[in-house]
Amino acid sequence: EQMRDEISRTSEIITSVTGREPVFFRPPYICVNDDM
């Protein structure tokens, strides 16, 4: 749920400014796991 919130909040504010939804995500520190 925290992961979803991190991404959705960021995509929403970017979309509100640019009019375009993000397509790509770069993980902070390039840290990833299966849940992400």
PDB file of all heavy atoms in Angstrom:
ATOM      1  N   GLU A   1       0.825  -1.203   0.000  1.00  0.00           N
ATOM      2  CA  GLU A   1       0.000   0.000   0.000  1.00  0.00           C
ATOM      3  C   GLU A   1       0.863   1.259   0.000  1.00  0.00           C
ATOM      4  O   GLU A   1       0.557   2.244  -0.681  1.00  0.00           O
ATOM      5  CB  GLU A   1      -0.927  -0.002   1.220  1.00  0.00           C
ATOM      6  CG  GLU A   1      -1.965   1.116   1.201  1.00  0.00           C
ATOM      7  CD  GLU A   1      -2.782   1.132  -0.077  1.00  0.00           C
ATOM      8  OE1 GLU A   1      -3.192   0.053  -0.540  1.00  0.00           O
ATOM      9  OE2 GLU A   1      -2.990   2.248  -0.626  1.00  0.00           O
ATOM     10  N   GLN A   2       1.952   1.234   0.750  1.00  0.00           N
ATOM     11  CA  GLN A   2       2.865   2.378   0.750  1.00  0.00           C
ATOM     12  C   GLN A   2       3.510   2.562  -0.626  1.00  0.00           C
ATOM     13  O   GLN A   2       3.702   3.687  -1.086  1.00  0.00           O
ATOM     14  CB  GLN A   2       3.948   2.188   1.821  1.00  0.00           C
ATOM     15  CG  GLN A   2       3.440   2.341   3.244  1.00  0.00           C
ATOM     16  CD  GLN A   2       4.501   1.953   4.269  1.00  0.00           C
ATOM     17  OE1 GLN A   2       5.218   0.962   4.107  1.00  0.00           O
ATOM     18  NE2 GLN A   2       4.598   2.725   5.346  1.00  0.00           N
ATOM     19  N   MET A   3       3.838   1.459  -1.267  1.00  0.00           N
ATOM     20  CA  MET A   3       4.395   1.539  -2.618  1.00  0.00           C
ATOM     21  C   MET A   3       3.408   2.190  -3.572  1.00  0.00           C
ATOM     22  O   MET A   3       3.773   3.092  -4.350  1.00  0.00           O
ATOM     23  CB  MET A   3       4.752   0.131  -3.126  1.00  0.00           C
ATOM     24  CG  MET A   3       5.882  -0.548  -2.397  1.00  0.00           C
ATOM     25  SD  MET A   3       6.071  -2.261  -2.981  1.00  0.00           S
ATOM     26  CE  MET A   3       7.349  -2.854  -1.864  1.00  0.00           C
ATOM     27  N   ARG A   4       2.166   1.744  -3.529  1.00  0.00           N
ATOM     28  CA  ARG A   4       1.143   2.325  -4.408  1.00  0.00           C
ATOM     29  C   ARG A   4       1.001   3.818  -4.157  1.00  0.00           C
ATOM     30  O   ARG A   4       0.871   4.605  -5.091  1.00  0.00           O
ATOM     31  CB  ARG A   4      -0.203   1.635  -4.190  1.00  0.00           C
ATOM     32  CG  ARG A   4      -0.278   0.196  -4.668  1.00  0.00           C
ATOM     33  CD  ARG A   4      -1.705  -0.326  -4.627  1.00  0.00           C
ATOM     34  NE  ARG A   4      -1.758  -1.742  -4.944  1.00  0.00           N
ATOM     35  CZ  ARG A   4      -1.752  -2.713  -4.043  1.00  0.00           C
ATOM     36  NH1 ARG A   4      -1.710  -2.419  -2.754  1.00  0.00           N
ATOM     37  NH2 ARG A   4      -1.795  -3.981  -4.421  1.00  0.00           N
ATOM     38  N   ASP A   5       1.033   4.206  -2.895  1.00  0.00           N
ATOM     39  CA  ASP A   5       0.871   5.610  -2.545  1.00  0.00           C
ATOM     40  C   ASP A   5       2.031   6.448  -3.085  1.00  0.00           C
ATOM     41  O   ASP A   5       1.826   7.550  -3.621  1.00  0.00           O
ATOM     42  CB  ASP A   5       0.778   5.754  -1.024  1.00  0.00           C
ATOM     43  CG  ASP A   5       0.510   7.180  -0.592  1.00  0.00           C
ATOM     44  OD1 ASP A   5      -0.573   7.713  -0.918  1.00  0.00           O
ATOM     45  OD2 ASP A   5       1.380   7.784   0.066  1.00  0.00           O
ATOM     46  N   GLU A   6       3.260   5.947  -2.946  1.00  0.00           N
ATOM     47  CA  GLU A   6       4.437   6.658  -3.457  1.00  0.00           C
ATOM     48  C   GLU A   6       4.298   6.958  -4.950  1.00  0.00           C
ATOM     49  O   GLU A   6       4.645   8.047  -5.417  1.00  0.00           O
ATOM     50  CB  GLU A   6       5.698   5.817  -3.233  1.00  0.00           C
ATOM     51  CG  GLU A   6       6.203   5.806  -1.817  1.00  0.00           C
ATOM     52  CD  GLU A   6       7.142   6.975  -1.508  1.00  0.00           C
ATOM     53  OE1 GLU A   6       7.890   7.401  -2.414  1.00  0.00           O
ATOM     54  OE2 GLU A   6       7.121   7.446  -0.371  1.00  0.00           O
ATOM     55  N   ILE A   7       3.819   5.960  -5.686  1.00  0.00           N
ATOM     56  CA  ILE A   7       3.743   6.103  -7.139  1.00  0.00           C
ATOM     57  C   ILE A   7       2.525   6.914  -7.551  1.00  0.00           C
ATOM     58  O   ILE A   7       2.620   7.826  -8.385  1.00  0.00           O
ATOM     59  CB  ILE A   7       3.710   4.708  -7.805  1.00  0.00           C
ATOM     60  CG1 ILE A   7       4.976   3.933  -7.456  1.00  0.00           C
ATOM     61  CG2 ILE A   7       3.570   4.851  -9.317  1.00  0.00           C
ATOM     62  CD1 ILE A   7       6.271   4.663  -7.716  1.00  0.00           C
ATOM     63  N   SER A   8       1.368   6.610  -6.968  1.00  0.00           N
ATOM     64  CA  SER A   8       0.146   7.289  -7.404  1.00  0.00           C
ATOM     65  C   SER A   8       0.188   8.779  -7.093  1.00  0.00           C
ATOM     66  O   SER A   8      -0.218   9.612  -7.925  1.00  0.00           O
ATOM     67  CB  SER A   8      -1.082   6.642  -6.769  1.00  0.00           C
ATOM     68  OG  SER A   8      -1.062   6.769  -5.355  1.00  0.00           O
ATOM     69  N   ARG A   9       0.687   9.147  -5.924  1.00  0.00           N
ATOM     70  CA  ARG A   9       0.767  10.575  -5.580  1.00  0.00           C
ATOM     71  C   ARG A   9       1.680  11.318  -6.551  1.00  0.00           C
ATOM     72  O   ARG A   9       1.373  12.432  -6.991  1.00  0.00           O
ATOM     73  CB  ARG A   9       1.268  10.756  -4.148  1.00  0.00           C
ATOM     74  CG  ARG A   9       0.298  10.312  -3.080  1.00  0.00           C
ATOM     75  CD  ARG A   9       0.911  10.435  -1.703  1.00  0.00           C
ATOM     76  NE  ARG A   9       1.057  11.833  -1.283  1.00  0.00           N
ATOM     77  CZ  ARG A   9       1.707  12.208  -0.180  1.00  0.00           C
ATOM     78  NH1 ARG A   9       2.286  11.295   0.592  1.00  0.00           N
ATOM     79  NH2 ARG A   9       1.783  13.474   0.141  1.00  0.00           N
ATOM     80  N   THR A  10       2.804  10.685  -6.879  1.00  0.00           N
ATOM     81  CA  THR A  10       3.750  11.330  -7.795  1.00  0.00           C
ATOM     82  C   THR A  10       3.171  11.434  -9.192  1.00  0.00           C
ATOM     83  O   THR A  10       3.251  12.485  -9.844  1.00  0.00           O
ATOM     84  CB  THR A  10       5.073  10.558  -7.820  1.00  0.00           C
ATOM     85  OG1 THR A  10       5.572  10.444  -6.481  1.00  0.00           O
ATOM     86  CG2 THR A  10       6.102  11.267  -8.675  1.00  0.00           C
ATOM     87  N   SER A  11       2.571  10.353  -9.677  1.00  0.00           N
ATOM     88  CA  SER A  11       1.983  10.391 -11.021  1.00  0.00           C
ATOM     89  C   SER A  11       0.852  11.413 -11.103  1.00  0.00           C
ATOM     90  O   SER A  11       0.711  12.115 -12.115  1.00  0.00           O
ATOM     91  CB  SER A  11       1.474   9.007 -11.422  1.00  0.00           C
ATOM     92  OG  SER A  11       2.550   8.138 -11.726  1.00  0.00           O
ATOM     93  N   GLU A  12       0.070  11.511 -10.041  1.00  0.00           N
ATOM     94  CA  GLU A  12      -1.054  12.452 -10.061  1.00  0.00           C
ATOM     95  C   GLU A  12      -0.589  13.898 -10.142  1.00  0.00           C
ATOM     96  O   GLU A  12      -1.137  14.691 -10.918  1.00  0.00           O
ATOM     97  CB  GLU A  12      -1.919  12.249  -8.811  1.00  0.00           C
ATOM     98  CG  GLU A  12      -2.791  11.003  -8.873  1.00  0.00           C
ATOM     99  CD  GLU A  12      -3.434  10.683  -7.529  1.00  0.00           C
ATOM    100  OE1 GLU A  12      -3.339  11.527  -6.599  1.00  0.00           O
ATOM    101  OE2 GLU A  12      -4.017   9.588  -7.406  1.00  0.00           O
ATOM    102  N   ILE A  13       0.434  14.254  -9.372  1.00  0.00           N
ATOM    103  CA  ILE A  13       0.887  15.646  -9.395  1.00  0.00           C
ATOM    104  C   ILE A  13       1.597  15.948 -10.714  1.00  0.00           C
ATOM    105  O   ILE A  13       1.449  17.048 -11.269  1.00  0.00           O
ATOM    106  CB  ILE A  13       1.765  15.982  -8.172  1.00  0.00           C
ATOM    107  CG1 ILE A  13       1.944  17.512  -8.061  1.00  0.00           C
ATOM    108  CG2 ILE A  13       3.106  15.277  -8.211  1.00  0.00           C
ATOM    109  CD1 ILE A  13       2.569  17.958  -6.759  1.00  0.00           C
ATOM    110  N   ILE A  14       2.339  14.978 -11.254  1.00  0.00           N
ATOM    111  CA  ILE A  14       2.975  15.190 -12.552  1.00  0.00           C
ATOM    112  C   ILE A  14       1.918  15.379 -13.637  1.00  0.00           C
ATOM    113  O   ILE A  14       2.010  16.292 -14.470  1.00  0.00           O
ATOM    114  CB  ILE A  14       3.910  14.014 -12.897  1.00  0.00           C
ATOM    115  CG1 ILE A  14       5.166  14.061 -12.019  1.00  0.00           C
ATOM    116  CG2 ILE A  14       4.302  14.040 -14.385  1.00  0.00           C
ATOM    117  CD1 ILE A  14       6.076  12.854 -12.167  1.00  0.00           C
ATOM    118  N   THR A  15       0.894  14.545 -13.615  1.00  0.00           N
ATOM    119  CA  THR A  15      -0.164  14.645 -14.614  1.00  0.00           C
ATOM    120  C   THR A  15      -0.902  15.972 -14.506  1.00  0.00           C
ATOM    121  O   THR A  15      -1.260  16.583 -15.523  1.00  0.00           O
ATOM    122  CB  THR A  15      -1.156  13.476 -14.464  1.00  0.00           C
ATOM    123  OG1 THR A  15      -0.442  12.238 -14.570  1.00  0.00           O
ATOM    124  CG2 THR A  15      -2.230  13.525 -15.531  1.00  0.00           C
ATOM    125  N   SER A  16      -1.103  16.442 -13.276  1.00  0.00           N
ATOM    126  CA  SER A  16      -1.825  17.705 -13.090  1.00  0.00           C
ATOM    127  C   SER A  16      -1.051  18.883 -13.671  1.00  0.00           C
ATOM    128  O   SER A  16      -1.650  19.867 -14.114  1.00  0.00           O
ATOM    129  CB  SER A  16      -2.096  17.945 -11.602  1.00  0.00           C
ATOM    130  OG  SER A  16      -0.898  18.276 -10.899  1.00  0.00           O
ATOM    131  N   VAL A  17       0.278  18.776 -13.687  1.00  0.00           N
ATOM    132  CA  VAL A  17       1.113  19.865 -14.211  1.00  0.00           C
ATOM    133  C   VAL A  17       1.334  19.718 -15.709  1.00  0.00           C
ATOM    134  O   VAL A  17       1.303  20.708 -16.453  1.00  0.00           O
ATOM    135  CB  VAL A  17       2.478  19.898 -13.485  1.00  0.00           C
ATOM    136  CG1 VAL A  17       3.395  20.945 -14.117  1.00  0.00           C
ATOM    137  CG2 VAL A  17       2.290  20.187 -12.009  1.00  0.00           C
ATOM    138  N   THR A  18       1.564  18.485 -16.172  1.00  0.00           N
ATOM    139  CA  THR A  18       1.967  18.270 -17.563  1.00  0.00           C
ATOM    140  C   THR A  18       0.831  17.877 -18.495  1.00  0.00           C
ATOM    141  O   THR A  18       0.961  18.010 -19.716  1.00  0.00           O
ATOM    142  CB  THR A  18       3.031  17.159 -17.643  1.00  0.00           C
ATOM    143  OG1 THR A  18       2.437  15.899 -17.293  1.00  0.00           O
ATOM    144  CG2 THR A  18       4.193  17.450 -16.703  1.00  0.00           C
ATOM    145  N   GLY A  19      -0.257  17.337 -17.931  1.00  0.00           N
ATOM    146  CA  GLY A  19      -1.330  16.823 -18.770  1.00  0.00           C
ATOM    147  C   GLY A  19      -1.023  15.462 -19.370  1.00  0.00           C
ATOM    148  O   GLY A  19      -1.766  14.957 -20.220  1.00  0.00           O
ATOM    149  N   ARG A  20       0.059  14.843 -18.933  1.00  0.00           N
ATOM    150  CA  ARG A  20       0.485  13.529 -19.440  1.00  0.00           C
ATOM    151  C   ARG A  20       0.838  12.639 -18.265  1.00  0.00           C
ATOM    152  O   ARG A  20       1.586  13.034 -17.380  1.00  0.00           O
ATOM    153  CB  ARG A  20       1.706  13.683 -20.348  1.00  0.00           C
ATOM    154  CG  ARG A  20       2.370  12.365 -20.777  1.00  0.00           C
ATOM    155  CD  ARG A  20       3.686  12.646 -21.495  1.00  0.00           C
ATOM    156  NE  ARG A  20       4.443  11.436 -21.786  1.00  0.00           N
ATOM    157  CZ  ARG A  20       5.255  10.827 -20.921  1.00  0.00           C
ATOM    158  NH1 ARG A  20       5.412  11.322 -19.694  1.00  0.00           N
ATOM    159  NH2 ARG A  20       5.910   9.731 -21.267  1.00  0.00           N
ATOM    160  N   GLU A  21       0.309  11.414 -18.260  1.00  0.00           N
ATOM    161  CA  GLU A  21       0.626  10.471 -17.204  1.00  0.00           C
ATOM    162  C   GLU A  21       2.019   9.875 -17.424  1.00  0.00           C
ATOM    163  O   GLU A  21       2.372   9.529 -18.547  1.00  0.00           O
ATOM    164  CB  GLU A  21      -0.399   9.341 -17.165  1.00  0.00           C
ATOM    165  CG  GLU A  21      -1.776   9.764 -16.701  1.00  0.00           C
ATOM    166  CD  GLU A  21      -2.686   8.568 -16.526  1.00  0.00           C
ATOM    167  OE1 GLU A  21      -2.172   7.431 -16.488  1.00  0.00           O
ATOM    168  OE2 GLU A  21      -3.899   8.776 -16.421  1.00  0.00           O
ATOM    169  N   PRO A  22       2.818   9.748 -16.372  1.00  0.00           N
ATOM    170  CA  PRO A  22       4.119   9.099 -16.523  1.00  0.00           C
ATOM    171  C   PRO A  22       3.978   7.670 -17.039  1.00  0.00           C
ATOM    172  O   PRO A  22       2.997   6.977 -16.747  1.00  0.00           O
ATOM    173  CB  PRO A  22       4.690   9.117 -15.100  1.00  0.00           C
ATOM    174  CG  PRO A  22       4.015  10.279 -14.455  1.00  0.00           C
ATOM    175  CD  PRO A  22       2.621  10.287 -15.018  1.00  0.00           C
ATOM    176  N   VAL A  23       4.969   7.260 -17.795  1.00  0.00           N
ATOM    177  CA  VAL A  23       5.020   5.916 -18.364  1.00  0.00           C
ATOM    178  C   VAL A  23       6.110   5.088 -17.692  1.00  0.00           C
ATOM    179  O   VAL A  23       5.981   3.883 -17.549  1.00  0.00           O
ATOM    180  CB  VAL A  23       5.289   5.994 -19.884  1.00  0.00           C
ATOM    181  CG1 VAL A  23       5.449   4.598 -20.490  1.00  0.00           C
ATOM    182  CG2 VAL A  23       4.175   6.767 -20.576  1.00  0.00           C
ATOM    183  N   PHE A  24       7.178   5.768 -17.256  1.00  0.00           N
ATOM    184  CA  PHE A  24       8.352   5.093 -16.706  1.00  0.00           C
ATOM    185  C   PHE A  24       8.532   5.421 -15.224  1.00  0.00           C
ATOM    186  O   PHE A  24       8.112   6.472 -14.747  1.00  0.00           O
ATOM    187  CB  PHE A  24       9.613   5.536 -17.458  1.00  0.00           C
ATOM    188  CG  PHE A  24       9.601   5.199 -18.917  1.00  0.00           C
ATOM    189  CD1 PHE A  24       9.240   6.161 -19.859  1.00  0.00           C
ATOM    190  CD2 PHE A  24       9.941   3.927 -19.365  1.00  0.00           C
ATOM    191  CE1 PHE A  24       9.238   5.857 -21.215  1.00  0.00           C
ATOM    192  CE2 PHE A  24       9.939   3.622 -20.716  1.00  0.00           C
ATOM    193  CZ  PHE A  24       9.582   4.593 -21.637  1.00  0.00           C
ATOM    194  N   PHE A  25       9.218   4.514 -14.538  1.00  0.00           N
ATOM    195  CA  PHE A  25       9.545   4.682 -13.126  1.00  0.00           C
ATOM    196  C   PHE A  25      10.993   4.271 -12.908  1.00  0.00           C
ATOM    197  O   PHE A  25      11.417   3.179 -13.310  1.00  0.00           O
ATOM    198  CB  PHE A  25       8.631   3.800 -12.269  1.00  0.00           C
ATOM    199  CG  PHE A  25       9.071   3.638 -10.841  1.00  0.00           C
ATOM    200  CD1 PHE A  25       9.188   4.737 -10.004  1.00  0.00           C
ATOM    201  CD2 PHE A  25       9.354   2.369 -10.324  1.00  0.00           C
ATOM    202  CE1 PHE A  25       9.594   4.584  -8.677  1.00  0.00           C
ATOM    203  CE2 PHE A  25       9.746   2.210  -8.998  1.00  0.00           C
ATOM    204  CZ  PHE A  25       9.870   3.323  -8.175  1.00  0.00           C
ATOM    205  N   ARG A  26      11.762   5.175 -12.308  1.00  0.00           N
ATOM    206  CA  ARG A  26      13.112   4.788 -11.887  1.00  0.00           C
ATOM    207  C   ARG A  26      13.110   4.623 -10.371  1.00  0.00           C
ATOM    208  O   ARG A  26      12.873   5.587  -9.636  1.00  0.00           O
ATOM    209  CB  ARG A  26      14.166   5.805 -12.301  1.00  0.00           C
ATOM    210  CG  ARG A  26      15.569   5.376 -11.825  1.00  0.00           C
ATOM    211  CD  ARG A  26      16.664   6.231 -12.423  1.00  0.00           C
ATOM    212  NE  ARG A  26      16.957   5.871 -13.795  1.00  0.00           N
ATOM    213  CZ  ARG A  26      17.087   6.740 -14.794  1.00  0.00           C
ATOM    214  NH1 ARG A  26      16.935   8.024 -14.582  1.00  0.00           N
ATOM    215  NH2 ARG A  26      17.376   6.317 -16.009  1.00  0.00           N
ATOM    216  N   PRO A  27      13.358   3.424  -9.874  1.00  0.00           N
ATOM    217  CA  PRO A  27      13.330   3.188  -8.426  1.00  0.00           C
ATOM    218  C   PRO A  27      14.457   3.948  -7.729  1.00  0.00           C
ATOM    219  O   PRO A  27      15.598   3.947  -8.206  1.00  0.00           O
ATOM    220  CB  PRO A  27      13.551   1.674  -8.303  1.00  0.00           C
ATOM    221  CG  PRO A  27      13.267   1.119  -9.656  1.00  0.00           C
ATOM    222  CD  PRO A  27      13.634   2.188 -10.624  1.00  0.00           C
ATOM    223  N   PRO A  28      14.176   4.605  -6.616  1.00  0.00           N
ATOM    224  CA  PRO A  28      15.245   5.246  -5.849  1.00  0.00           C
ATOM    225  C   PRO A  28      16.338   4.227  -5.499  1.00  0.00           C
ATOM    226  O   PRO A  28      16.033   3.105  -5.078  1.00  0.00           O
ATOM    227  CB  PRO A  28      14.531   5.737  -4.589  1.00  0.00           C
ATOM    228  CG  PRO A  28      13.121   5.947  -5.023  1.00  0.00           C
ATOM    229  CD  PRO A  28      12.851   4.847  -6.009  1.00  0.00           C
ATOM    230  N   TYR A  29      17.569   4.619  -5.701  1.00  0.00           N
ATOM    231  CA  TYR A  29      18.743   3.784  -5.417  1.00  0.00           C
ATOM    232  C   TYR A  29      18.774   2.504  -6.266  1.00  0.00           C
ATOM    233  O   TYR A  29      19.573   1.611  -6.013  1.00  0.00           O
ATOM    234  CB  TYR A  29      18.817   3.420  -3.927  1.00  0.00           C
ATOM    235  CG  TYR A  29      18.587   4.591  -3.013  1.00  0.00           C
ATOM    236  CD1 TYR A  29      17.414   4.694  -2.265  1.00  0.00           C
ATOM    237  CD2 TYR A  29      19.518   5.622  -2.919  1.00  0.00           C
ATOM    238  CE1 TYR A  29      17.193   5.790  -1.426  1.00  0.00           C
ATOM    239  CE2 TYR A  29      19.299   6.712  -2.092  1.00  0.00           C
ATOM    240  CZ  TYR A  29      18.131   6.789  -1.357  1.00  0.00           C
ATOM    241  OH  TYR A  29      17.906   7.868  -0.541  1.00  0.00           O
ATOM    242  N   ILE A  30      17.891   2.414  -7.247  1.00  0.00           N
ATOM    243  CA  ILE A  30      17.716   1.203  -8.064  1.00  0.00           C
ATOM    244  C   ILE A  30      17.479  -0.022  -7.175  1.00  0.00           C
ATOM    245  O   ILE A  30      17.951  -1.134  -7.436  1.00  0.00           O
ATOM    246  CB  ILE A  30      18.910   0.971  -9.029  1.00  0.00           C
ATOM    247  CG1 ILE A  30      19.303   2.282  -9.694  1.00  0.00           C
ATOM    248  CG2 ILE A  30      18.543  -0.039 -10.115  1.00  0.00           C
ATOM    249  CD1 ILE A  30      18.258   2.917 -10.565  1.00  0.00           C
ATOM    250  N   CYS A  31      16.747   0.191  -6.086  1.00  0.00           N
ATOM    251  CA  CYS A  31      16.360  -0.893  -5.179  1.00  0.00           C
ATOM    252  C   CYS A  31      14.985  -1.410  -5.590  1.00  0.00           C
ATOM    253  O   CYS A  31      14.019  -0.626  -5.649  1.00  0.00           O
ATOM    254  CB  CYS A  31      16.326  -0.409  -3.734  1.00  0.00           C
ATOM    255  SG  CYS A  31      17.940   0.002  -3.053  1.00  0.00           S
ATOM    256  N   VAL A  32      14.887  -2.697  -5.860  1.00  0.00           N
ATOM    257  CA  VAL A  32      13.614  -3.274  -6.290  1.00  0.00           C
ATOM    258  C   VAL A  32      13.392  -4.621  -5.609  1.00  0.00           C
ATOM    259  O   VAL A  32      14.331  -5.267  -5.149  1.00  0.00           O
ATOM    260  CB  VAL A  32      13.569  -3.471  -7.820  1.00  0.00           C
ATOM    261  CG1 VAL A  32      13.660  -2.139  -8.543  1.00  0.00           C
ATOM    262  CG2 VAL A  32      14.677  -4.403  -8.289  1.00  0.00           C
ATOM    263  N   ASN A  33      12.125  -5.016  -5.558  1.00  0.00           N
ATOM    264  CA  ASN A  33      11.783  -6.376  -5.139  1.00  0.00           C
ATOM    265  C   ASN A  33      10.518  -6.802  -5.880  1.00  0.00           C
ATOM    266  O   ASN A  33       9.931  -6.029  -6.652  1.00  0.00           O
ATOM    267  CB  ASN A  33      11.630  -6.480  -3.617  1.00  0.00           C
ATOM    268  CG  ASN A  33      10.499  -5.626  -3.065  1.00  0.00           C
ATOM    269  OD1 ASN A  33       9.656  -5.101  -3.812  1.00  0.00           O
ATOM    270  ND2 ASN A  33      10.465  -5.470  -1.752  1.00  0.00           N
ATOM    271  N   ASP A  34      10.111  -8.037  -5.663  1.00  0.00           N
ATOM    272  CA  ASP A  34       8.970  -8.582  -6.400  1.00  0.00           C
ATOM    273  C   ASP A  34       7.691  -7.811  -6.117  1.00  0.00           C
ATOM    274  O   ASP A  34       6.842  -7.640  -7.007  1.00  0.00           O
ATOM    275  CB  ASP A  34       8.776 -10.062  -6.074  1.00  0.00           C
ATOM    276  CG  ASP A  34       9.854 -10.945  -6.693  1.00  0.00           C
ATOM    277  OD1 ASP A  34      10.524 -10.474  -7.640  1.00  0.00           O
ATOM    278  OD2 ASP A  34      10.028 -12.088  -6.221  1.00  0.00           O
ATOM    279  N   ASP A  35       7.511  -7.357  -4.869  1.00  0.00           N
ATOM    280  CA  ASP A  35       6.302  -6.600  -4.540  1.00  0.00           C
ATOM    281  C   ASP A  35       6.196  -5.333  -5.381  1.00  0.00           C
ATOM    282  O   ASP A  35       5.104  -4.953  -5.824  1.00  0.00           O
ATOM    283  CB  ASP A  35       6.281  -6.227  -3.054  1.00  0.00           C
ATOM    284  CG  ASP A  35       5.934  -7.403  -2.158  1.00  0.00           C
ATOM    285  OD1 ASP A  35       5.468  -8.440  -2.686  1.00  0.00           O
ATOM    286  OD2 ASP A  35       6.123  -7.291  -0.935  1.00  0.00           O
ATOM    287  N   MET A  36       7.316  -4.663  -5.608  1.00  0.00           N
ATOM    288  CA  MET A  36       7.300  -3.453  -6.420  1.00  0.00           C
ATOM    289  C   MET A  36       6.869  -3.776  -7.845  1.00  0.00           C
ATOM    290  O   MET A  36       6.055  -3.064  -8.444  1.00  0.00           O
ATOM    291  CB  MET A  36       8.662  -2.774  -6.399  1.00  0.00           C
ATOM    292  CG  MET A  36       9.029  -2.187  -5.040  1.00  0.00           C
ATOM    293  SD  MET A  36      10.745  -1.607  -4.952  1.00  0.00           S
ATOM    294  CE  MET A  36      10.703  -0.227  -6.098  1.00  0.00           C
TER     295      MET A  36
END
